[in-house]
Amino acid sequence: PFANAGVFYVQNAAAGDAAAWVVEELSRRIQRFTYHPESVAQLAHSSWARPPFFANADDQANLNDVLASALTGDEFFGAGVEMAEVRFKLRFAPAQCLR
């Protein structure tokens, strides 16, 4: 991981700058996967996903994906959501992996 997340205090970030984007995107992703776990199936590399959805909303994993997105310029969900979805299915819902 690039960073360890937890409690944030952000100051001197302005709307539209990189720091504000990271904090806003992290918040958006955590809310998305907390309240709409089924949206994991809409991700580019998770179209195979079926209920029950795990959709990891872990702050640290998602922060690292947001940082990877910022560094590459492409949306990245690999470590925070997509890999966690696979691990969850294999451990707790293996029958869903075989569909």
Protein backbone atom coordinates (compact mmCIF):
# COMPACT_ATOMS: atom_id res chain seq x y z
CA PRO A 1 0.00 0.00 0.00
CA PHE A 2 0.99 3.60 -0.64
CA ALA A 3 -0.73 5.01 2.43
CA ASN A 4 -2.43 4.06 5.65
CA ALA A 5 -5.84 5.66 6.05
CA GLY A 6 -7.87 6.48 9.12
CA VAL A 7 -8.94 9.83 10.47
CA PHE A 8 -8.20 12.76 8.16
CA TYR A 9 -7.79 16.43 8.83
CA VAL A 10 -7.29 18.35 5.61
CA GLN A 11 -6.49 22.02 5.46
CA ASN A 12 -5.53 24.42 2.69
CA ALA A 13 -7.09 22.20 0.05
CA ALA A 14 -9.05 24.15 -2.53
CA ALA A 15 -11.91 22.96 -4.69
CA GLY A 16 -10.48 21.52 -7.87
CA ASP A 17 -6.97 20.83 -6.62
CA ALA A 18 -5.43 17.37 -6.32
CA ALA A 19 -5.75 17.08 -2.55
CA ALA A 20 -9.43 17.98 -2.65
CA TRP A 21 -10.02 15.46 -5.45
CA VAL A 22 -8.39 12.65 -3.44
CA VAL A 23 -10.49 13.34 -0.34
CA GLU A 24 -13.72 13.76 -2.35
CA GLU A 25 -13.09 10.62 -4.41
CA LEU A 26 -12.30 8.58 -1.31
CA SER A 27 -15.53 9.74 0.32
CA ARG A 28 -17.50 9.00 -2.85
CA ARG A 29 -16.12 5.47 -3.12
CA ILE A 30 -16.68 4.61 0.53
CA GLN A 31 -20.27 5.82 0.31
CA ARG A 32 -20.83 4.03 -3.00
CA PHE A 33 -19.65 0.64 -1.83
CA THR A 34 -21.22 0.97 1.63
CA TYR A 35 -24.70 1.86 0.40
CA HIS A 36 -24.67 0.25 -3.06
CA PRO A 37 -22.49 -2.88 -2.91
CA GLU A 38 -24.18 -4.18 -6.07
CA SER A 39 -22.41 -1.40 -7.99
CA VAL A 40 -19.22 -3.47 -7.88
CA ALA A 41 -20.60 -5.34 -10.91
CA GLN A 42 -20.38 -2.08 -12.91
CA LEU A 43 -16.60 -1.87 -12.54
CA ALA A 44 -14.55 -2.61 -15.64
CA HIS A 45 -12.96 -5.79 -14.29
CA SER A 46 -15.83 -7.04 -12.13
CA SER A 47 -18.67 -7.57 -14.58
CA TRP A 48 -18.61 -11.23 -13.47
CA ALA A 49 -19.66 -10.29 -9.91
CA ARG A 50 -22.99 -11.70 -8.67
CA PRO A 51 -24.83 -11.52 -5.33
CA PRO A 52 -23.95 -11.68 -2.53
CA PHE A 53 -21.73 -8.65 -3.10
CA PHE A 54 -18.91 -7.77 -0.74
CA ALA A 55 -17.89 -4.39 -2.26
CA ASN A 56 -15.16 -3.54 0.21
CA ALA A 57 -15.60 -0.03 1.62
CA ASP A 58 -12.39 -0.15 3.66
CA ASP A 59 -10.86 3.31 3.89
CA GLN A 60 -7.23 2.23 3.57
CA ALA A 61 -7.72 -0.05 0.57
CA ASN A 62 -9.86 2.54 -1.18
CA LEU A 63 -7.39 5.34 -0.42
CA ASN A 64 -4.66 3.34 -2.08
CA ASP A 65 -6.87 2.79 -5.14
CA VAL A 66 -7.67 6.51 -5.25
CA LEU A 67 -3.95 7.33 -5.11
CA ALA A 68 -3.27 4.81 -7.89
CA SER A 69 -6.04 6.48 -9.90
CA ALA A 70 -4.49 9.91 -9.31
CA LEU A 71 -1.03 8.69 -10.32
CA THR A 72 -2.12 6.88 -13.48
CA GLY A 73 -4.99 9.09 -14.61
CA ASP A 74 -7.25 6.01 -14.90
CA GLU A 75 -9.90 4.78 -12.48
CA PHE A 76 -8.39 1.98 -10.43
CA PHE A 77 -10.38 -0.29 -8.11
CA GLY A 78 -8.08 -3.32 -8.07
CA ALA A 79 -6.85 -3.57 -4.50
CA GLY A 80 -9.70 -1.95 -2.63
CA VAL A 81 -12.72 -3.47 -4.27
CA GLU A 82 -12.07 -5.91 -7.11
CA MET A 83 -9.54 -8.15 -5.36
CA ALA A 84 -11.53 -8.03 -2.13
CA GLU A 85 -14.64 -9.15 -4.03
CA VAL A 86 -12.76 -12.21 -5.33
CA ARG A 87 -11.35 -13.09 -1.91
CA PHE A 88 -14.78 -12.77 -0.28
CA LYS A 89 -16.44 -14.98 -2.88
CA LEU A 90 -13.80 -17.67 -2.69
CA ARG A 91 -13.95 -17.77 1.10
CA PHE A 92 -17.64 -17.25 1.88
CA ALA A 93 -19.59 -17.89 -1.33
CA PRO A 94 -17.60 -20.31 -3.50
CA ALA A 95 -20.71 -21.52 -5.33
CA GLN A 96 -21.15 -17.99 -6.75
CA CYS A 97 -17.67 -18.20 -8.28
CA LEU A 98 -18.67 -21.17 -10.40
CA ARG A 99 -21.66 -19.55 -12.08
